[in-house]
PDB file of N, CA and C in Angstrom:
ATOM      1  N   MET A   1    -148.018  76.769  72.288  1.00  0.00           N
ATOM      2  CA  MET A   1    -146.967  75.942  71.717  1.00  0.00           C
ATOM      3  C   MET A   1    -145.951  76.848  71.032  1.00  0.00           C
ATOM      4  N   ALA A   2    -144.684  76.634  71.334  1.00  0.00           N
ATOM      5  CA  ALA A   2    -143.613  77.468  70.777  1.00  0.00           C
ATOM      6  C   ALA A   2    -143.358  77.098  69.320  1.00  0.00           C
ATOM      7  N   SER A   3    -143.148  78.120  68.543  1.00  0.00           N
ATOM      8  CA  SER A   3    -142.859  77.874  67.131  1.00  0.00           C
ATOM      9  C   SER A   3    -141.392  77.488  66.965  1.00  0.00           C
ATOM     10  N   LYS A   4    -141.060  77.030  65.779  1.00  0.00           N
ATOM     11  CA  LYS A   4    -139.678  76.645  65.479  1.00  0.00           C
ATOM     12  C   LYS A   4    -138.750  77.851  65.612  1.00  0.00           C
ATOM     13  N   ALA A   5    -139.215  79.025  65.214  1.00  0.00           N
ATOM     14  CA  ALA A   5    -138.401  80.238  65.324  1.00  0.00           C
ATOM     15  C   ALA A   5    -138.105  80.570  66.786  1.00  0.00           C
ATOM     16  N   GLN A   6    -139.085  80.402  67.657  1.00  0.00           N
ATOM     17  CA  GLN A   6    -138.870  80.677  69.072  1.00  0.00           C
ATOM     18  C   GLN A   6    -137.890  79.685  69.687  1.00  0.00           C
ATOM     19  N   GLU A   7    -137.985  78.435  69.294  1.00  0.00           N
ATOM     20  CA  GLU A   7    -137.059  77.419  69.795  1.00  0.00           C
ATOM     21  C   GLU A   7    -135.638  77.707  69.308  1.00  0.00           C
ATOM     22  N   THR A   8    -135.506  78.124  68.064  1.00  0.00           N
ATOM     23  CA  THR A   8    -134.201  78.477  67.517  1.00  0.00           C
ATOM     24  C   THR A   8    -133.613  79.665  68.261  1.00  0.00           C
ATOM     25  N   GLN A   9    -134.448  80.653  68.560  1.00  0.00           N
ATOM     26  CA  GLN A   9    -134.004  81.826  69.296  1.00  0.00           C
ATOM     27  C   GLN A   9    -133.537  81.444  70.700  1.00  0.00           C
ATOM     28  N   LYS A  10    -134.257  80.593  71.373  1.00  0.00           N
ATOM     29  CA  LYS A  10    -133.868  80.150  72.706  1.00  0.00           C
ATOM     30  C   LYS A  10    -132.522  79.425  72.665  1.00  0.00           C
ATOM     31  N   THR A  11    -132.333  78.587  71.660  1.00  0.00           N
ATOM     32  CA  THR A  11    -131.063  77.880  71.505  1.00  0.00           C
ATOM     33  C   THR A  11    -129.933  78.860  71.259  1.00  0.00           C
ATOM     34  N   PHE A  12    -130.168  79.843  70.404  1.00  0.00           N
ATOM     35  CA  PHE A  12    -129.155  80.859  70.105  1.00  0.00           C
ATOM     36  C   PHE A  12    -128.755  81.599  71.375  1.00  0.00           C
ATOM     37  N   PHE A  13    -129.727  82.040  72.165  1.00  0.00           N
ATOM     38  CA  PHE A  13    -129.424  82.779  73.393  1.00  0.00           C
ATOM     39  C   PHE A  13    -128.697  81.903  74.399  1.00  0.00           C
ATOM     40  N   ARG A  14    -129.056  80.644  74.468  1.00  0.00           N
ATOM     41  CA  ARG A  14    -128.387  79.736  75.404  1.00  0.00           C
ATOM     42  C   ARG A  14    -126.912  79.593  75.033  1.00  0.00           C
ATOM     43  N   VAL A  15    -126.631  79.469  73.741  1.00  0.00           N
ATOM     44  CA  VAL A  15    -125.246  79.324  73.283  1.00  0.00           C
ATOM     45  C   VAL A  15    -124.462  80.612  73.504  1.00  0.00           C
ATOM     46  N   THR A  16    -125.015  81.752  73.081  1.00  0.00           N
ATOM     47  CA  THR A  16    -124.278  83.012  73.220  1.00  0.00           C
ATOM     48  C   THR A  16    -124.120  83.420  74.681  1.00  0.00           C
ATOM     49  N   ASP A  17    -125.055  83.058  75.551  1.00  0.00           N
ATOM     50  CA  ASP A  17    -124.921  83.375  76.972  1.00  0.00           C
ATOM     51  C   ASP A  17    -123.786  82.602  77.624  1.00  0.00           C
ATOM     52  N   SER A  18    -123.454  81.456  77.077  1.00  0.00           N
ATOM     53  CA  SER A  18    -122.399  80.639  77.679  1.00  0.00           C
ATOM     54  C   SER A  18    -120.998  81.108  77.278  1.00  0.00           C
ATOM     55  N   ILE A  19    -120.893  82.039  76.341  1.00  0.00           N
ATOM     56  CA  ILE A  19    -119.592  82.528  75.878  1.00  0.00           C
ATOM     57  C   ILE A  19    -119.257  83.803  76.645  1.00  0.00           C
ATOM     58  N   PRO A  20    -118.072  83.849  77.285  1.00  0.00           N
ATOM     59  CA  PRO A  20    -117.689  85.055  78.030  1.00  0.00           C
ATOM     60  C   PRO A  20    -117.572  86.270  77.105  1.00  0.00           C
ATOM     61  N   GLU A  21    -117.886  87.437  77.653  1.00  0.00           N
ATOM     62  CA  GLU A  21    -117.888  88.675  76.860  1.00  0.00           C
ATOM     63  C   GLU A  21    -116.535  88.953  76.225  1.00  0.00           C
ATOM     64  N   GLU A  22    -115.463  88.722  76.980  1.00  0.00           N
ATOM     65  CA  GLU A  22    -114.145  89.047  76.435  1.00  0.00           C
ATOM     66  C   GLU A  22    -113.747  88.154  75.262  1.00  0.00           C
ATOM     67  N   THR A  23    -114.365  87.004  75.143  1.00  0.00           N
ATOM     68  CA  THR A  23    -114.104  86.140  73.990  1.00  0.00           C
ATOM     69  C   THR A  23    -114.477  86.847  72.698  1.00  0.00           C
ATOM     70  N   TRP A  24    -115.578  87.600  72.724  1.00  0.00           N
ATOM     71  CA  TRP A  24    -116.003  88.326  71.530  1.00  0.00           C
ATOM     72  C   TRP A  24    -114.978  89.389  71.139  1.00  0.00           C
ATOM     73  N   TYR A  25    -114.394  90.069  72.164  1.00  0.00           N
ATOM     74  CA  TYR A  25    -113.373  91.079  71.874  1.00  0.00           C
ATOM     75  C   TYR A  25    -112.129  90.438  71.256  1.00  0.00           C
ATOM     76  N   TRP A  26    -111.700  89.313  71.817  1.00  0.00           N
ATOM     77  CA  TRP A  26    -110.544  88.616  71.265  1.00  0.00           C
ATOM     78  C   TRP A  26    -110.827  88.114  69.851  1.00  0.00           C
ATOM     79  N   ALA A  27    -112.031  87.661  69.600  1.00  0.00           N
ATOM     80  CA  ALA A  27    -112.400  87.206  68.249  1.00  0.00           C
ATOM     81  C   ALA A  27    -112.339  88.366  67.260  1.00  0.00           C
ATOM     82  N   ALA A  28    -112.774  89.552  67.686  1.00  0.00           N
ATOM     83  CA  ALA A  28    -112.713  90.727  66.820  1.00  0.00           C
ATOM     84  C   ALA A  28    -111.264  91.078  66.503  1.00  0.00           C
ATOM     85  N   LEU A  29    -110.414  91.094  67.533  1.00  0.00           N
ATOM     86  CA  LEU A  29    -108.997  91.405  67.309  1.00  0.00           C
ATOM     87  C   LEU A  29    -108.327  90.352  66.422  1.00  0.00           C
ATOM     88  N   ALA A  30    -108.653  89.100  66.659  1.00  0.00           N
ATOM     89  CA  ALA A  30    -108.067  88.030  65.850  1.00  0.00           C
ATOM     90  C   ALA A  30    -108.492  88.145  64.386  1.00  0.00           C
ATOM     91  N   SER A  31    -109.736  88.462  64.152  1.00  0.00           N
ATOM     92  CA  SER A  31    -110.188  88.562  62.759  1.00  0.00           C
ATOM     93  C   SER A  31    -109.553  89.761  62.057  1.00  0.00           C
ATOM     94  N   ILE A  32    -109.278  90.840  62.798  1.00  0.00           N
ATOM     95  CA  ILE A  32    -108.564  91.975  62.206  1.00  0.00           C
ATOM     96  C   ILE A  32    -107.158  91.539  61.808  1.00  0.00           C
ATOM     97  N   GLY A  33    -106.489  90.814  62.699  1.00  0.00           N
ATOM     98  CA  GLY A  33    -105.147  90.326  62.406  1.00  0.00           C
ATOM     99  C   GLY A  33    -105.121  89.357  61.240  1.00  0.00           C
ATOM    100  N   ILE A  34    -106.061  88.443  61.218  1.00  0.00           N
ATOM    101  CA  ILE A  34    -106.131  87.473  60.118  1.00  0.00           C
ATOM    102  C   ILE A  34    -106.402  88.183  58.805  1.00  0.00           C
ATOM    103  N   SER A  35    -107.270  89.169  58.836  1.00  0.00           N
ATOM    104  CA  SER A  35    -107.563  89.941  57.630  1.00  0.00           C
ATOM    105  C   SER A  35    -106.306  90.649  57.124  1.00  0.00           C
ATOM    106  N   ALA A  36    -105.520  91.224  58.037  1.00  0.00           N
ATOM    107  CA  ALA A  36    -104.286  91.908  57.642  1.00  0.00           C
ATOM    108  C   ALA A  36    -103.294  90.926  57.020  1.00  0.00           C
ATOM    109  N   VAL A  37    -103.166  89.746  57.622  1.00  0.00           N
ATOM    110  CA  VAL A  37    -102.257  88.736  57.074  1.00  0.00           C
ATOM    111  C   VAL A  37    -102.720  88.296  55.694  1.00  0.00           C
ATOM    112  N   LEU A  38    -104.006  88.089  55.532  1.00  0.00           N
ATOM    113  CA  LEU A  38    -104.534  87.707  54.222  1.00  0.00           C
ATOM    114  C   LEU A  38    -104.271  88.801  53.186  1.00  0.00           C
ATOM    115  N   LYS A  39    -104.440  90.045  53.568  1.00  0.00           N
ATOM    116  CA  LYS A  39    -104.194  91.168  52.657  1.00  0.00           C
ATOM    117  C   LYS A  39    -102.726  91.202  52.237  1.00  0.00           C
ATOM    118  N   LEU A  40    -101.825  90.998  53.202  1.00  0.00           N
ATOM    119  CA  LEU A  40    -100.390  90.984  52.898  1.00  0.00           C
ATOM    120  C   LEU A  40    -100.011  89.825  51.983  1.00  0.00           C
ATOM    121  N   ASN A  41    -100.770  88.754  52.042  1.00  0.00           N
ATOM    122  CA  ASN A  41    -100.520  87.591  51.191  1.00  0.00           C
ATOM    123  C   ASN A  41    -101.294  87.647  49.878  1.00  0.00           C
ATOM    124  N   LYS A  42    -101.809  88.831  49.560  1.00  0.00           N
ATOM    125  CA  LYS A  42    -102.521  89.080  48.294  1.00  0.00           C
ATOM    126  C   LYS A  42    -103.791  88.241  48.139  1.00  0.00           C
ATOM    127  N   ARG A  43    -104.413  87.909  49.258  1.00  0.00           N
ATOM    128  CA  ARG A  43    -105.696  87.198  49.235  1.00  0.00           C
ATOM    129  C   ARG A  43    -106.790  88.217  49.529  1.00  0.00           C
ATOM    130  N   ASP A  44    -106.949  89.173  48.613  1.00  0.00           N
ATOM    131  CA  ASP A  44    -107.807  90.337  48.852  1.00  0.00           C
ATOM    132  C   ASP A  44    -109.266  89.982  49.137  1.00  0.00           C
ATOM    133  N   ASN A  45    -109.832  89.058  48.379  1.00  0.00           N
ATOM    134  CA  ASN A  45    -111.241  88.704  48.606  1.00  0.00           C
ATOM    135  C   ASN A  45    -111.445  88.093  49.989  1.00  0.00           C
ATOM    136  N   TRP A  46    -110.551  87.209  50.387  1.00  0.00           N
ATOM    137  CA  TRP A  46    -110.650  86.610  51.719  1.00  0.00           C
ATOM    138  C   TRP A  46    -110.411  87.653  52.797  1.00  0.00           C
ATOM    139  N   ALA A  47    -109.467  88.573  52.559  1.00  0.00           N
ATOM    140  CA  ALA A  47    -109.188  89.632  53.534  1.00  0.00           C
ATOM    141  C   ALA A  47    -110.425  90.497  53.753  1.00  0.00           C
ATOM    142  N   LEU A  48    -111.118  90.827  52.685  1.00  0.00           N
ATOM    143  CA  LEU A  48    -112.351  91.612  52.830  1.00  0.00           C
ATOM    144  C   LEU A  48    -113.425  90.827  53.566  1.00  0.00           C
ATOM    145  N   PHE A  49    -113.538  89.549  53.240  1.00  0.00           N
ATOM    146  CA  PHE A  49    -114.544  88.704  53.892  1.00  0.00           C
ATOM    147  C   PHE A  49    -114.295  88.617  55.395  1.00  0.00           C
ATOM    148  N   VAL A  50    -113.074  88.287  55.781  1.00  0.00           N
ATOM    149  CA  VAL A  50    -112.746  88.160  57.202  1.00  0.00           C
ATOM    150  C   VAL A  50    -112.752  89.532  57.875  1.00  0.00           C
ATOM    151  N   GLY A  51    -112.410  90.576  57.147  1.00  0.00           N
ATOM    152  CA  GLY A  51    -112.384  91.924  57.697  1.00  0.00           C
ATOM    153  C   GLY A  51    -113.761  92.461  58.056  1.00  0.00           C
ATOM    154  N   GLN A  52    -114.796  91.796  57.602  1.00  0.00           N
ATOM    155  CA  GLN A  52    -116.148  92.230  57.946  1.00  0.00           C
ATOM    156  C   GLN A  52    -116.685  91.547  59.202  1.00  0.00           C
ATOM    157  N   TRP A  53    -115.916  90.660  59.801  1.00  0.00           N
ATOM    158  CA  TRP A  53    -116.360  89.966  61.004  1.00  0.00           C
ATOM    159  C   TRP A  53    -116.275  90.792  62.280  1.00  0.00           C
ATOM    160  N   PRO A  54    -115.268  91.662  62.461  1.00  0.00           N
ATOM    161  CA  PRO A  54    -115.140  92.357  63.761  1.00  0.00           C
ATOM    162  C   PRO A  54    -116.394  93.099  64.222  1.00  0.00           C
ATOM    163  N   PRO A  55    -117.104  93.819  63.356  1.00  0.00           N
ATOM    164  CA  PRO A  55    -118.311  94.492  63.861  1.00  0.00           C
ATOM    165  C   PRO A  55    -119.348  93.513  64.423  1.00  0.00           C
ATOM    166  N   THR A  56    -119.447  92.353  63.820  1.00  0.00           N
ATOM    167  CA  THR A  56    -120.388  91.347  64.309  1.00  0.00           C
ATOM    168  C   THR A  56    -119.972  90.859  65.688  1.00  0.00           C
ATOM    169  N   PHE A  57    -118.680  90.560  65.852  1.00  0.00           N
ATOM    170  CA  PHE A  57    -118.189  90.113  67.158  1.00  0.00           C
ATOM    171  C   PHE A  57    -118.381  91.197  68.216  1.00  0.00           C
ATOM    172  N   LEU A  58    -118.125  92.443  67.849  1.00  0.00           N
ATOM    173  CA  LEU A  58    -118.301  93.539  68.806  1.00  0.00           C
ATOM    174  C   LEU A  58    -119.775  93.739  69.162  1.00  0.00           C
ATOM    175  N   LEU A  59    -120.662  93.509  68.212  1.00  0.00           N
ATOM    176  CA  LEU A  59    -122.091  93.585  68.522  1.00  0.00           C
ATOM    177  C   LEU A  59    -122.513  92.471  69.475  1.00  0.00           C
ATOM    178  N   PHE A  60    -121.947  91.280  69.303  1.00  0.00           N
ATOM    179  CA  PHE A  60    -122.226  90.195  70.243  1.00  0.00           C
ATOM    180  C   PHE A  60    -121.750  90.568  71.642  1.00  0.00           C
ATOM    181  N   ALA A  61    -120.570  91.207  71.744  1.00  0.00           N
ATOM    182  CA  ALA A  61    -120.052  91.633  73.042  1.00  0.00           C
ATOM    183  C   ALA A  61    -120.967  92.683  73.660  1.00  0.00           C
ATOM    184  N   LEU A  62    -121.415  93.621  72.848  1.00  0.00           N
ATOM    185  CA  LEU A  62    -122.325  94.657  73.344  1.00  0.00           C
ATOM    186  C   LEU A  62    -123.648  94.041  73.797  1.00  0.00           C
ATOM    187  N   PHE A  63    -124.160  93.127  73.013  1.00  0.00           N
ATOM    188  CA  PHE A  63    -125.392  92.438  73.366  1.00  0.00           C
ATOM    189  C   PHE A  63    -125.223  91.693  74.688  1.00  0.00           C
ATOM    190  N   SER A  64    -124.079  91.048  74.847  1.00  0.00           N
ATOM    191  CA  SER A  64    -123.803  90.316  76.071  1.00  0.00           C
ATOM    192  C   SER A  64    -123.774  91.261  77.267  1.00  0.00           C
ATOM    193  N   ARG A  65    -123.152  92.422  77.097  1.00  0.00           N
ATOM    194  CA  ARG A  65    -123.072  93.387  78.191  1.00  0.00           C
ATOM    195  C   ARG A  65    -124.465  93.957  78.522  1.00  0.00           C
ATOM    196  N   LEU A  66    -125.264  94.232  77.511  1.00  0.00           N
ATOM    197  CA  LEU A  66    -126.602  94.756  77.762  1.00  0.00           C
ATOM    198  C   LEU A  66    -127.501  93.713  78.402  1.00  0.00           C
ATOM    199  N   LEU A  67    -127.312  92.477  78.019  1.00  0.00           N
ATOM    200  CA  LEU A  67    -128.136  91.406  78.549  1.00  0.00           C
ATOM    201  C   LEU A  67    -127.777  91.071  79.988  1.00  0.00           C
ATOM    202  N   ARG A  68    -126.475  91.135  80.312  1.00  0.00           N
ATOM    203  CA  ARG A  68    -125.996  90.793  81.642  1.00  0.00           C
ATOM    204  C   ARG A  68    -125.118  91.924  82.185  1.00  0.00           C
ATOM    205  N   PRO A  69    -125.690  93.059  82.543  1.00  0.00           N
ATOM    206  CA  PRO A  69    -124.876  94.208  82.961  1.00  0.00           C
ATOM    207  C   PRO A  69    -124.135  94.000  84.271  1.00  0.00           C
ATOM    208  N   SER A  70    -124.590  93.109  85.140  1.00  0.00           N
ATOM    209  CA  SER A  70    -123.938  92.923  86.427  1.00  0.00           C
ATOM    210  C   SER A  70    -122.676  92.081  86.313  1.00  0.00           C
ATOM    211  N   GLN A  71    -122.515  91.332  85.234  1.00  0.00           N
ATOM    212  CA  GLN A  71    -121.331  90.501  85.054  1.00  0.00           C
ATOM    213  C   GLN A  71    -120.267  91.264  84.276  1.00  0.00           C
ATOM    214  N   LYS A  72    -119.025  91.159  84.709  1.00  0.00           N
ATOM    215  CA  LYS A  72    -117.927  91.831  84.004  1.00  0.00           C
ATOM    216  C   LYS A  72    -116.925  90.855  83.501  1.00  0.00           C
TER     217      LYS A  72
END
């Protein structure tokens, strides 16, 4: 019998597998841009918060590429 953690993991993989790899790259670029705009508008705390998202998006893209190397 699968545990709740295993079911959650399966759901997570199903969702992330359905998102194209390039979407993660665009999300990283968008969050960099949003962070810059927030910084220019003197919203420093929000700029730092959003500025920490790109590495996560890039890791999702890398994970997607490692998981499905034949798809480009």
